[in-house]
Amino acid sequence: MPGVFIAFEGGEGAGKSTQERLLAEHLIASGHEVVRTREPGGTPASEAMRNIVLSPEFTGLDARSEALLFAASRGEHAARVIRPALDRGAVVVCDRYLDSSVAYQGYGRNLGAERVRSLSLWATNSLLPDLTIVLDVDPVIGLRRITNPDRLEAEPLVYHELVRTAFLEIAGGEPDRYLVIDASRAVSDIAAEVSALVDLLMQGRQ
């Protein structure tokens, strides 16, 4: 596909939304068409599923049902938003994607990383980011930044420690497609490092 797909991953309070926004602003200033989106979400149907999986109203949701809902939301999102944007040559910058399911449900819920990954690959017709930026932060620090926790943010610390381990292991398995950044650093320093790497990626695609 002519476009470029960039995803931000990481635990709660790592600053993904902030860095996604700053990168989008940088790319727009450089003359690129940018589509900003998030998971779960991105379409009306996916946003409805987001409410189910994140709302404290549904605390106790079955783990397999949770994984299936995330995959269903992702499939809709990929088909309706991400692929069309990539097909027309846009840069898609996404706050979370497939690796979040692997980390939160595969590792955190102990459903099996490969099983959960395969489910999302099937749902998205094997659509993967060109680059995934993992913002790594100690869960103790990240959770302190959360003021109104959703259903997953409210999980015990041990759950979030599993999630952090998962992201680092996933990134370590494909170092050419992942960038791990210490998210305890200054926002501006992180943004500068991300922008520099993405600029190189964009130059290589021209």
N, C-alpha and C. Protein backbone atom coordinates (compact mmCIF):
# COMPACT_ATOMS: atom_id res chain seq x y z
N MET A 1 0.84 -1.19 0.00
CA MET A 1 0.00 0.00 0.00
C MET A 1 0.88 1.25 0.00
N PRO A 2 0.43 2.30 -0.69
CA PRO A 2 1.27 3.50 -0.80
C PRO A 2 1.39 4.31 0.48
N GLY A 3 0.46 4.15 1.42
CA GLY A 3 0.52 4.92 2.66
C GLY A 3 1.45 4.32 3.68
N VAL A 4 1.53 4.98 4.84
CA VAL A 4 2.39 4.54 5.95
C VAL A 4 1.53 4.43 7.20
N PHE A 5 1.70 3.33 7.92
CA PHE A 5 0.89 3.04 9.11
C PHE A 5 1.82 3.02 10.33
N ILE A 6 1.54 3.92 11.28
CA ILE A 6 2.34 4.05 12.50
C ILE A 6 1.42 3.89 13.70
N ALA A 7 1.80 3.02 14.62
CA ALA A 7 0.99 2.79 15.83
C ALA A 7 1.80 3.14 17.07
N PHE A 8 1.11 3.66 18.07
CA PHE A 8 1.69 3.90 19.39
C PHE A 8 1.13 2.86 20.36
N GLU A 9 2.01 2.25 21.11
CA GLU A 9 1.62 1.26 22.11
C GLU A 9 2.28 1.57 23.45
N GLY A 10 1.80 0.90 24.49
CA GLY A 10 2.37 1.09 25.81
C GLY A 10 1.30 0.98 26.88
N GLY A 11 1.73 0.94 28.11
CA GLY A 11 0.82 0.81 29.23
C GLY A 11 0.07 2.09 29.53
N GLU A 12 -0.74 2.04 30.56
CA GLU A 12 -1.56 3.19 30.95
C GLU A 12 -0.68 4.34 31.43
N GLY A 13 -1.06 5.55 31.02
CA GLY A 13 -0.34 6.73 31.47
C GLY A 13 1.02 6.92 30.84
N ALA A 14 1.29 6.23 29.73
CA ALA A 14 2.60 6.34 29.08
C ALA A 14 2.71 7.56 28.19
N GLY A 15 1.59 8.20 27.87
CA GLY A 15 1.63 9.39 27.02
C GLY A 15 1.39 9.13 25.56
N LYS A 16 0.73 8.04 25.24
CA LYS A 16 0.49 7.68 23.83
C LYS A 16 -0.32 8.74 23.09
N SER A 17 -1.40 9.19 23.69
CA SER A 17 -2.26 10.16 23.01
C SER A 17 -1.51 11.46 22.74
N THR A 18 -0.71 11.89 23.69
CA THR A 18 0.07 13.12 23.50
C THR A 18 1.07 12.97 22.38
N GLN A 19 1.81 11.87 22.38
CA GLN A 19 2.83 11.67 21.35
C GLN A 19 2.21 11.42 19.97
N GLU A 20 1.07 10.75 19.95
CA GLU A 20 0.37 10.55 18.67
C GLU A 20 -0.03 11.90 18.08
N ARG A 21 -0.53 12.79 18.92
CA ARG A 21 -0.94 14.12 18.45
C ARG A 21 0.25 14.93 17.96
N LEU A 22 1.34 14.90 18.72
CA LEU A 22 2.52 15.67 18.34
C LEU A 22 3.13 15.17 17.03
N LEU A 23 3.15 13.85 16.86
CA LEU A 23 3.68 13.31 15.60
C LEU A 23 2.78 13.71 14.45
N ALA A 24 1.47 13.64 14.62
CA ALA A 24 0.55 14.03 13.56
C ALA A 24 0.76 15.49 13.17
N GLU A 25 0.93 16.36 14.16
CA GLU A 25 1.17 17.77 13.88
C GLU A 25 2.47 17.96 13.09
N HIS A 26 3.49 17.21 13.46
CA HIS A 26 4.78 17.28 12.76
C HIS A 26 4.63 16.84 11.30
N LEU A 27 3.92 15.76 11.08
CA LEU A 27 3.76 15.24 9.72
C LEU A 27 2.90 16.16 8.86
N ILE A 28 1.87 16.73 9.45
CA ILE A 28 1.03 17.68 8.71
C ILE A 28 1.86 18.90 8.31
N ALA A 29 2.68 19.39 9.23
CA ALA A 29 3.54 20.54 8.93
C ALA A 29 4.53 20.21 7.82
N SER A 30 4.85 18.93 7.67
CA SER A 30 5.78 18.50 6.62
C SER A 30 5.08 18.25 5.29
N GLY A 31 3.76 18.44 5.26
CA GLY A 31 3.02 18.33 4.01
C GLY A 31 2.34 17.01 3.75
N HIS A 32 2.27 16.14 4.75
CA HIS A 32 1.64 14.83 4.57
C HIS A 32 0.16 14.87 4.95
N GLU A 33 -0.63 14.05 4.26
CA GLU A 33 -1.99 13.82 4.71
C GLU A 33 -1.93 12.84 5.87
N VAL A 34 -2.53 13.20 6.97
CA VAL A 34 -2.46 12.37 8.18
C VAL A 34 -3.88 12.02 8.64
N VAL A 35 -4.08 10.75 8.94
CA VAL A 35 -5.33 10.29 9.54
C VAL A 35 -5.01 9.86 10.96
N ARG A 36 -5.57 10.57 11.92
CA ARG A 36 -5.40 10.22 13.33
C ARG A 36 -6.57 9.37 13.78
N THR A 37 -6.27 8.29 14.48
CA THR A 37 -7.35 7.41 14.93
C THR A 37 -6.92 6.69 16.20
N ARG A 38 -7.81 5.88 16.73
CA ARG A 38 -7.51 5.21 18.00
C ARG A 38 -8.19 3.87 18.07
N GLU A 39 -7.71 3.04 19.00
CA GLU A 39 -8.34 1.75 19.26
C GLU A 39 -8.52 1.57 20.77
N PRO A 40 -9.61 0.88 21.15
CA PRO A 40 -10.72 0.55 20.27
C PRO A 40 -11.46 1.82 19.86
N GLY A 41 -12.01 1.81 18.65
CA GLY A 41 -12.73 2.97 18.15
C GLY A 41 -12.43 3.22 16.69
N GLY A 42 -12.72 4.44 16.24
CA GLY A 42 -12.42 4.84 14.87
C GLY A 42 -13.62 4.85 13.95
N THR A 43 -14.64 4.06 14.25
CA THR A 43 -15.90 4.06 13.49
C THR A 43 -17.04 4.02 14.50
N PRO A 44 -18.27 4.35 14.09
CA PRO A 44 -19.38 4.29 15.06
C PRO A 44 -19.53 2.93 15.72
N ALA A 45 -19.43 1.85 14.93
CA ALA A 45 -19.57 0.52 15.51
C ALA A 45 -18.43 0.21 16.47
N SER A 46 -17.22 0.59 16.07
CA SER A 46 -16.06 0.32 16.93
C SER A 46 -16.11 1.14 18.21
N GLU A 47 -16.62 2.36 18.12
CA GLU A 47 -16.75 3.18 19.32
C GLU A 47 -17.78 2.58 20.28
N ALA A 48 -18.83 1.97 19.72
CA ALA A 48 -19.83 1.31 20.58
C ALA A 48 -19.20 0.14 21.31
N MET A 49 -18.35 -0.61 20.60
CA MET A 49 -17.65 -1.73 21.25
C MET A 49 -16.64 -1.22 22.27
N ARG A 50 -16.06 -0.06 22.01
CA ARG A 50 -15.13 0.55 22.97
C ARG A 50 -15.83 0.78 24.31
N ASN A 51 -17.06 1.25 24.25
CA ASN A 51 -17.80 1.50 25.48
C ASN A 51 -17.98 0.22 26.29
N ILE A 52 -18.22 -0.88 25.60
CA ILE A 52 -18.43 -2.15 26.31
C ILE A 52 -17.15 -2.61 26.98
N VAL A 53 -16.03 -2.59 26.24
CA VAL A 53 -14.80 -3.17 26.78
C VAL A 53 -14.12 -2.28 27.82
N LEU A 54 -14.42 -0.97 27.80
CA LEU A 54 -13.73 -0.07 28.73
C LEU A 54 -14.61 0.45 29.87
N SER A 55 -15.91 0.39 29.73
CA SER A 55 -16.78 0.95 30.75
C SER A 55 -16.76 0.10 32.03
N PRO A 56 -16.59 0.76 33.20
CA PRO A 56 -16.66 0.03 34.47
C PRO A 56 -18.00 -0.68 34.68
N GLU A 57 -19.00 -0.27 33.91
CA GLU A 57 -20.32 -0.91 33.99
C GLU A 57 -20.23 -2.41 33.68
N PHE A 58 -19.22 -2.79 32.86
CA PHE A 58 -19.11 -4.18 32.43
C PHE A 58 -17.93 -4.89 33.11
N THR A 59 -17.59 -4.47 34.31
CA THR A 59 -16.56 -5.16 35.09
C THR A 59 -16.95 -6.63 35.26
N GLY A 60 -15.97 -7.49 35.04
CA GLY A 60 -16.25 -8.92 35.13
C GLY A 60 -16.55 -9.56 33.78
N LEU A 61 -16.44 -8.79 32.70
CA LEU A 61 -16.66 -9.32 31.36
C LEU A 61 -15.75 -10.53 31.12
N ASP A 62 -16.31 -11.59 30.55
CA ASP A 62 -15.54 -12.79 30.27
C ASP A 62 -14.32 -12.46 29.42
N ALA A 63 -13.17 -13.04 29.76
CA ALA A 63 -11.92 -12.70 29.09
C ALA A 63 -11.96 -13.00 27.59
N ARG A 64 -12.54 -14.13 27.21
CA ARG A 64 -12.62 -14.47 25.79
C ARG A 64 -13.57 -13.52 25.05
N SER A 65 -14.66 -13.18 25.69
CA SER A 65 -15.57 -12.21 25.09
C SER A 65 -14.88 -10.87 24.91
N GLU A 66 -14.09 -10.48 25.88
CA GLU A 66 -13.33 -9.25 25.80
C GLU A 66 -12.39 -9.27 24.59
N ALA A 67 -11.66 -10.35 24.42
CA ALA A 67 -10.73 -10.48 23.30
C ALA A 67 -11.46 -10.43 21.97
N LEU A 68 -12.60 -11.09 21.89
CA LEU A 68 -13.38 -11.10 20.65
C LEU A 68 -13.92 -9.72 20.32
N LEU A 69 -14.35 -8.98 21.33
CA LEU A 69 -14.84 -7.63 21.09
C LEU A 69 -13.74 -6.71 20.57
N PHE A 70 -12.56 -6.81 21.17
CA PHE A 70 -11.44 -6.00 20.68
C PHE A 70 -11.11 -6.36 19.23
N ALA A 71 -11.10 -7.64 18.91
CA ALA A 71 -10.80 -8.07 17.55
C ALA A 71 -11.87 -7.60 16.57
N ALA A 72 -13.14 -7.68 16.97
CA ALA A 72 -14.22 -7.23 16.11
C ALA A 72 -14.12 -5.73 15.84
N SER A 73 -13.85 -4.97 16.90
CA SER A 73 -13.67 -3.53 16.74
C SER A 73 -12.51 -3.22 15.81
N ARG A 74 -11.42 -3.96 15.96
CA ARG A 74 -10.23 -3.75 15.13
C ARG A 74 -10.49 -4.10 13.67
N GLY A 75 -11.23 -5.17 13.43
CA GLY A 75 -11.55 -5.54 12.06
C GLY A 75 -12.35 -4.46 11.35
N GLU A 76 -13.36 -3.94 12.01
CA GLU A 76 -14.17 -2.85 11.47
C GLU A 76 -13.32 -1.61 11.21
N HIS A 77 -12.48 -1.29 12.16
CA HIS A 77 -11.61 -0.12 12.08
C HIS A 77 -10.64 -0.23 10.91
N ALA A 78 -10.01 -1.40 10.77
CA ALA A 78 -9.05 -1.60 9.69
C ALA A 78 -9.73 -1.50 8.33
N ALA A 79 -10.91 -2.10 8.20
CA ALA A 79 -11.61 -2.12 6.91
C ALA A 79 -12.17 -0.76 6.52
N ARG A 80 -12.67 -0.01 7.49
CA ARG A 80 -13.38 1.23 7.19
C ARG A 80 -12.51 2.49 7.25
N VAL A 81 -11.43 2.44 8.03
CA VAL A 81 -10.62 3.64 8.23
C VAL A 81 -9.18 3.45 7.76
N ILE A 82 -8.50 2.45 8.30
CA ILE A 82 -7.06 2.36 8.08
C ILE A 82 -6.72 2.01 6.64
N ARG A 83 -7.29 0.92 6.12
CA ARG A 83 -6.96 0.51 4.75
C ARG A 83 -7.31 1.56 3.70
N PRO A 84 -8.51 2.15 3.75
CA PRO A 84 -8.80 3.19 2.75
C PRO A 84 -7.81 4.36 2.79
N ALA A 85 -7.40 4.75 4.00
CA ALA A 85 -6.44 5.85 4.11
C ALA A 85 -5.08 5.46 3.53
N LEU A 86 -4.63 4.25 3.83
CA LEU A 86 -3.35 3.78 3.30
C LEU A 86 -3.41 3.64 1.78
N ASP A 87 -4.54 3.20 1.26
CA ASP A 87 -4.69 3.03 -0.18
C ASP A 87 -4.55 4.34 -0.94
N ARG A 88 -4.95 5.45 -0.31
CA ARG A 88 -4.84 6.72 -1.01
C ARG A 88 -3.53 7.45 -0.68
N GLY A 89 -2.65 6.78 0.08
CA GLY A 89 -1.32 7.33 0.33
C GLY A 89 -1.17 8.16 1.59
N ALA A 90 -2.15 8.11 2.47
CA ALA A 90 -2.08 8.89 3.71
C ALA A 90 -1.18 8.21 4.75
N VAL A 91 -0.80 8.98 5.75
CA VAL A 91 -0.10 8.43 6.91
C VAL A 91 -1.15 8.23 8.00
N VAL A 92 -1.28 7.00 8.46
CA VAL A 92 -2.22 6.69 9.55
C VAL A 92 -1.44 6.63 10.85
N VAL A 93 -1.85 7.43 11.83
CA VAL A 93 -1.22 7.44 13.15
C VAL A 93 -2.28 6.98 14.14
N CYS A 94 -2.03 5.83 14.75
CA CYS A 94 -3.05 5.18 15.57
C CYS A 94 -2.61 5.03 17.02
N ASP A 95 -3.48 5.41 17.93
CA ASP A 95 -3.28 5.25 19.36
C ASP A 95 -3.77 3.86 19.74
N ARG A 96 -2.85 2.91 19.82
CA ARG A 96 -3.05 1.48 20.09
C ARG A 96 -3.46 0.75 18.81
N TYR A 97 -3.07 -0.54 18.79
CA TYR A 97 -3.47 -1.42 17.70
C TYR A 97 -3.37 -2.86 18.20
N LEU A 98 -3.00 -3.76 17.32
CA LEU A 98 -3.05 -5.20 17.60
C LEU A 98 -2.25 -5.62 18.84
N ASP A 99 -1.08 -5.01 19.04
CA ASP A 99 -0.24 -5.43 20.16
C ASP A 99 -0.89 -5.20 21.51
N SER A 100 -1.81 -4.24 21.58
CA SER A 100 -2.51 -4.03 22.85
C SER A 100 -3.34 -5.24 23.22
N SER A 101 -3.98 -5.88 22.23
CA SER A 101 -4.74 -7.09 22.52
C SER A 101 -3.83 -8.22 22.96
N VAL A 102 -2.68 -8.35 22.28
CA VAL A 102 -1.73 -9.39 22.67
C VAL A 102 -1.28 -9.17 24.11
N ALA A 103 -0.98 -7.91 24.46
CA ALA A 103 -0.50 -7.60 25.80
C ALA A 103 -1.58 -7.73 26.87
N TYR A 104 -2.73 -7.11 26.63
CA TYR A 104 -3.78 -7.04 27.65
C TYR A 104 -4.58 -8.33 27.78
N GLN A 105 -4.87 -8.98 26.65
CA GLN A 105 -5.64 -10.22 26.74
C GLN A 105 -4.75 -11.46 26.65
N GLY A 106 -3.77 -11.44 25.74
CA GLY A 106 -2.89 -12.60 25.60
C GLY A 106 -2.06 -12.85 26.84
N TYR A 107 -1.40 -11.79 27.33
CA TYR A 107 -0.57 -11.89 28.53
C TYR A 107 -1.40 -11.62 29.79
N GLY A 108 -2.04 -10.44 29.83
CA GLY A 108 -2.74 -10.03 31.04
C GLY A 108 -3.86 -10.97 31.46
N ARG A 109 -4.63 -11.46 30.48
CA ARG A 109 -5.73 -12.39 30.77
C ARG A 109 -5.31 -13.85 30.62
N ASN A 110 -4.06 -14.05 30.26
CA ASN A 110 -3.51 -15.41 30.11
C ASN A 110 -4.27 -16.24 29.07
N LEU A 111 -4.67 -15.59 27.97
CA LEU A 111 -5.37 -16.29 26.90
C LEU A 111 -4.42 -16.85 25.85
N GLY A 112 -3.15 -16.46 25.93
CA GLY A 112 -2.17 -16.95 24.96
C GLY A 112 -1.87 -15.90 23.91
N ALA A 113 -0.62 -15.47 23.85
CA ALA A 113 -0.23 -14.39 22.95
C ALA A 113 -0.50 -14.75 21.49
N GLU A 114 -0.10 -15.93 21.07
CA GLU A 114 -0.26 -16.29 19.66
C GLU A 114 -1.73 -16.45 19.28
N ARG A 115 -2.54 -16.98 20.18
CA ARG A 115 -3.97 -17.14 19.90
C ARG A 115 -4.62 -15.78 19.69
N VAL A 116 -4.31 -14.84 20.57
CA VAL A 116 -4.91 -13.50 20.47
C VAL A 116 -4.38 -12.77 19.24
N ARG A 117 -3.09 -12.90 18.97
CA ARG A 117 -2.51 -12.26 17.79
C ARG A 117 -3.14 -12.81 16.51
N SER A 118 -3.29 -14.11 16.43
CA SER A 118 -3.89 -14.73 15.24
C SER A 118 -5.31 -14.26 15.03
N LEU A 119 -6.05 -14.07 16.11
CA LEU A 119 -7.42 -13.60 16.01
C LEU A 119 -7.47 -12.21 15.38
N SER A 120 -6.59 -11.31 15.81
CA SER A 120 -6.58 -9.96 15.25
C SER A 120 -6.04 -9.94 13.82
N LEU A 121 -5.08 -10.80 13.52
CA LEU A 121 -4.59 -10.87 12.15
C LEU A 121 -5.69 -11.33 11.21
N TRP A 122 -6.50 -12.29 11.67
CA TRP A 122 -7.63 -12.73 10.85
C TRP A 122 -8.64 -11.60 10.67
N ALA A 123 -8.93 -10.88 11.77
CA ALA A 123 -9.93 -9.81 11.72
C ALA A 123 -9.51 -8.67 10.80
N THR A 124 -8.21 -8.41 10.71
CA THR A 124 -7.71 -7.27 9.92
C THR A 124 -7.14 -7.67 8.57
N ASN A 125 -7.27 -8.95 8.22
CA ASN A 125 -6.66 -9.46 6.99
C ASN A 125 -5.15 -9.20 7.00
N SER A 126 -4.54 -9.44 8.17
CA SER A 126 -3.08 -9.39 8.36
C SER A 126 -2.48 -8.00 8.18
N LEU A 127 -3.24 -6.97 8.49
CA LEU A 127 -2.73 -5.61 8.39
C LEU A 127 -1.88 -5.28 9.62
N LEU A 128 -0.60 -4.95 9.38
CA LEU A 128 0.32 -4.60 10.46
C LEU A 128 0.91 -3.22 10.22
N PRO A 129 1.27 -2.50 11.29
CA PRO A 129 1.91 -1.19 11.12
C PRO A 129 3.30 -1.32 10.48
N ASP A 130 3.70 -0.25 9.78
CA ASP A 130 5.08 -0.17 9.29
C ASP A 130 6.04 0.09 10.44
N LEU A 131 5.56 0.80 11.45
CA LEU A 131 6.36 1.12 12.62
C LEU A 131 5.45 1.17 13.84
N THR A 132 5.89 0.53 14.92
CA THR A 132 5.18 0.61 16.19
C THR A 132 6.11 1.22 17.23
N ILE A 133 5.65 2.28 17.86
CA ILE A 133 6.42 2.99 18.88
C ILE A 133 5.85 2.59 20.24
N VAL A 134 6.68 1.94 21.04
CA VAL A 134 6.27 1.50 22.38
C VAL A 134 6.79 2.50 23.40
N LEU A 135 5.88 3.16 24.07
CA LEU A 135 6.25 4.09 25.14
C LEU A 135 6.25 3.32 26.45
N ASP A 136 7.44 3.11 26.99
CA ASP A 136 7.61 2.26 28.16
C ASP A 136 7.70 3.08 29.44
N VAL A 137 6.88 2.75 30.40
CA VAL A 137 6.91 3.44 31.69
C VAL A 137 6.57 2.44 32.78
N ASP A 138 7.16 2.62 33.95
CA ASP A 138 6.81 1.80 35.12
C ASP A 138 5.33 1.97 35.40
N PRO A 139 4.58 0.89 35.53
CA PRO A 139 3.14 1.01 35.78
C PRO A 139 2.81 1.83 37.03
N VAL A 140 3.65 1.79 38.02
CA VAL A 140 3.40 2.59 39.23
C VAL A 140 3.34 4.07 38.86
N ILE A 141 4.26 4.49 37.99
CA ILE A 141 4.28 5.89 37.56
C ILE A 141 3.11 6.19 36.63
N GLY A 142 2.90 5.30 35.66
CA GLY A 142 1.84 5.53 34.69
C GLY A 142 0.46 5.60 35.31
N LEU A 143 0.17 4.70 36.23
CA LEU A 143 -1.16 4.68 36.84
C LEU A 143 -1.43 5.90 37.71
N ARG A 144 -0.38 6.51 38.23
CA ARG A 144 -0.55 7.74 39.01
C ARG A 144 -1.07 8.88 38.14
N ARG A 145 -0.84 8.79 36.84
CA ARG A 145 -1.26 9.85 35.92
C ARG A 145 -2.73 9.72 35.54
N ILE A 146 -3.37 8.62 35.90
CA ILE A 146 -4.77 8.37 35.54
C ILE A 146 -5.69 8.97 36.60
N THR A 147 -6.60 9.82 36.18
CA THR A 147 -7.49 10.47 37.15
C THR A 147 -8.87 9.82 37.22
N ASN A 148 -9.34 9.25 36.12
CA ASN A 148 -10.66 8.63 36.10
C ASN A 148 -10.55 7.29 35.40
N PRO A 149 -10.08 6.26 36.10
CA PRO A 149 -9.75 4.99 35.45
C PRO A 149 -10.94 4.28 34.81
N ASP A 150 -10.69 3.73 33.60
CA ASP A 150 -11.70 2.90 32.97
C ASP A 150 -11.56 1.47 33.50
N ARG A 151 -12.29 0.53 32.90
CA ARG A 151 -12.33 -0.83 33.41
C ARG A 151 -10.96 -1.51 33.41
N LEU A 152 -10.16 -1.29 32.36
CA LEU A 152 -8.84 -1.91 32.29
C LEU A 152 -7.82 -1.16 33.14
N GLU A 153 -7.90 0.15 33.14
CA GLU A 153 -6.99 0.94 33.97
C GLU A 153 -7.14 0.61 35.45
N ALA A 154 -8.33 0.17 35.85
CA ALA A 154 -8.60 -0.13 37.26
C ALA A 154 -8.13 -1.52 37.67
N GLU A 155 -7.55 -2.28 36.74
CA GLU A 155 -7.04 -3.60 37.09
C GLU A 155 -5.88 -3.48 38.08
N PRO A 156 -5.59 -4.54 38.86
CA PRO A 156 -4.51 -4.49 39.85
C PRO A 156 -3.14 -4.25 39.20
N LEU A 157 -2.21 -3.78 40.00
CA LEU A 157 -0.87 -3.46 39.52
C LEU A 157 -0.21 -4.66 38.85
N VAL A 158 -0.41 -5.85 39.38
CA VAL A 158 0.24 -7.03 38.81
C VAL A 158 -0.21 -7.25 37.36
N TYR A 159 -1.43 -6.93 37.05
CA TYR A 159 -1.93 -7.03 35.68
C TYR A 159 -1.16 -6.09 34.77
N HIS A 160 -0.98 -4.86 35.21
CA HIS A 160 -0.27 -3.87 34.39
C HIS A 160 1.22 -4.19 34.26
N GLU A 161 1.77 -4.86 35.25
CA GLU A 161 3.17 -5.30 35.13
C GLU A 161 3.30 -6.38 34.06
N LEU A 162 2.32 -7.27 33.97
CA LEU A 162 2.31 -8.27 32.90
C LEU A 162 2.22 -7.60 31.54
N VAL A 163 1.38 -6.58 31.45
CA VAL A 163 1.20 -5.86 30.19
C VAL A 163 2.51 -5.19 29.77
N ARG A 164 3.19 -4.58 30.72
CA ARG A 164 4.47 -3.94 30.39
C ARG A 164 5.47 -4.97 29.87
N THR A 165 5.57 -6.09 30.55
CA THR A 165 6.48 -7.15 30.11
C THR A 165 6.13 -7.60 28.70
N ALA A 166 4.84 -7.70 28.43
CA ALA A 166 4.39 -8.14 27.12
C ALA A 166 4.86 -7.20 26.02
N PHE A 167 4.66 -5.90 26.21
CA PHE A 167 5.06 -4.94 25.18
C PHE A 167 6.57 -5.02 24.91
N LEU A 168 7.36 -5.15 25.95
CA LEU A 168 8.80 -5.22 25.77
C LEU A 168 9.21 -6.51 25.06
N GLU A 169 8.55 -7.61 25.37
CA GLU A 169 8.87 -8.87 24.69
C GLU A 169 8.45 -8.84 23.23
N ILE A 170 7.29 -8.26 22.96
CA ILE A 170 6.82 -8.14 21.57
C ILE A 170 7.80 -7.31 20.76
N ALA A 171 8.19 -6.17 21.31
CA ALA A 171 9.12 -5.28 20.59
C ALA A 171 10.47 -5.94 20.39
N GLY A 172 10.92 -6.69 21.39
CA GLY A 172 12.22 -7.35 21.29
C GLY A 172 12.26 -8.42 20.22
N GLY A 173 11.10 -8.96 19.88
CA GLY A 173 11.03 -10.01 18.86
C GLY A 173 11.15 -9.48 17.45
N GLU A 174 10.85 -8.19 17.23
CA GLU A 174 10.95 -7.59 15.89
C GLU A 174 11.57 -6.20 16.00
N PRO A 175 12.86 -6.13 16.31
CA PRO A 175 13.49 -4.82 16.55
C PRO A 175 13.48 -3.89 15.34
N ASP A 176 13.37 -4.43 14.14
CA ASP A 176 13.36 -3.58 12.94
C ASP A 176 12.03 -2.85 12.75
N ARG A 177 10.99 -3.32 13.41
CA ARG A 177 9.66 -2.72 13.23
C ARG A 177 9.16 -2.00 14.49
N TYR A 178 9.97 -2.02 15.53
CA TYR A 178 9.56 -1.40 16.80
C TYR A 178 10.62 -0.41 17.29
N LEU A 179 10.14 0.62 17.95
CA LEU A 179 11.01 1.56 18.66
C LEU A 179 10.49 1.64 20.09
N VAL A 180 11.34 1.29 21.05
CA VAL A 180 10.97 1.38 22.47
C VAL A 180 11.58 2.64 23.04
N ILE A 181 10.76 3.46 23.67
CA ILE A 181 11.20 4.76 24.21
C ILE A 181 10.86 4.83 25.69
N ASP A 182 11.79 5.34 26.47
CA ASP A 182 11.58 5.57 27.90
C ASP A 182 10.58 6.72 28.05
N ALA A 183 9.36 6.41 28.45
CA ALA A 183 8.30 7.41 28.52
C ALA A 183 8.33 8.24 29.79
N SER A 184 9.35 8.04 30.64
CA SER A 184 9.49 8.89 31.82
C SER A 184 10.26 10.16 31.48
N ARG A 185 10.77 10.26 30.25
CA ARG A 185 11.53 11.44 29.81
C ARG A 185 10.59 12.61 29.50
N ALA A 186 11.18 13.76 29.20
CA ALA A 186 10.40 14.94 28.86
C ALA A 186 9.60 14.70 27.58
N VAL A 187 8.39 15.22 27.54
CA VAL A 187 7.52 15.06 26.38
C VAL A 187 8.21 15.54 25.11
N SER A 188 8.87 16.69 25.18
CA SER A 188 9.52 17.25 23.99
C SER A 188 10.66 16.38 23.49
N ASP A 189 11.41 15.77 24.41
CA ASP A 189 12.51 14.89 24.00
C ASP A 189 11.98 13.64 23.30
N ILE A 190 10.91 13.08 23.84
CA ILE A 190 10.30 11.90 23.21
C ILE A 190 9.79 12.26 21.81
N ALA A 191 9.10 13.38 21.71
CA ALA A 191 8.54 13.80 20.42
C ALA A 191 9.64 14.01 19.39
N ALA A 192 10.76 14.58 19.80
CA ALA A 192 11.85 14.81 18.86
C ALA A 192 12.44 13.50 18.35
N GLU A 193 12.59 12.52 19.24
CA GLU A 193 13.12 11.22 18.83
C GLU A 193 12.16 10.51 17.88
N VAL A 194 10.88 10.57 18.21
CA VAL A 194 9.87 9.92 17.36
C VAL A 194 9.84 10.58 15.98
N SER A 195 9.82 11.90 15.94
CA SER A 195 9.76 12.61 14.67
C SER A 195 10.96 12.32 13.79
N ALA A 196 12.14 12.25 14.40
CA ALA A 196 13.36 11.99 13.63
C ALA A 196 13.30 10.61 12.98
N LEU A 197 12.85 9.62 13.73
CA LEU A 197 12.78 8.26 13.17
C LEU A 197 11.71 8.17 12.09
N VAL A 198 10.57 8.80 12.31
CA VAL A 198 9.50 8.75 11.32
C VAL A 198 9.92 9.49 10.05
N ASP A 199 10.65 10.57 10.19
CA ASP A 199 11.15 11.28 9.00
C ASP A 199 12.03 10.36 8.16
N LEU A 200 12.87 9.58 8.81
CA LEU A 200 13.71 8.61 8.09
C LEU A 200 12.84 7.57 7.39
N LEU A 201 11.82 7.10 8.08
CA LEU A 201 10.92 6.12 7.49
C LEU A 201 10.24 6.69 6.26
N MET A 202 9.77 7.94 6.36
CA MET A 202 9.08 8.56 5.24
C MET A 202 10.03 8.77 4.05
N GLN A 203 11.26 9.15 4.32
CA GLN A 203 12.24 9.33 3.25
C GLN A 203 12.50 8.01 2.52
N GLY A 204 12.54 6.92 3.28
CA GLY A 204 12.77 5.63 2.67
C GLY A 204 11.62 5.15 1.82
N ARG A 205 10.42 5.70 2.05
CA ARG A 205 9.24 5.29 1.30
C ARG A 205 9.03 6.12 0.03
N GLN A 206 9.81 7.20 -0.14
CA GLN A 206 9.63 8.07 -1.28
C GLN A 206 10.28 7.49 -2.54
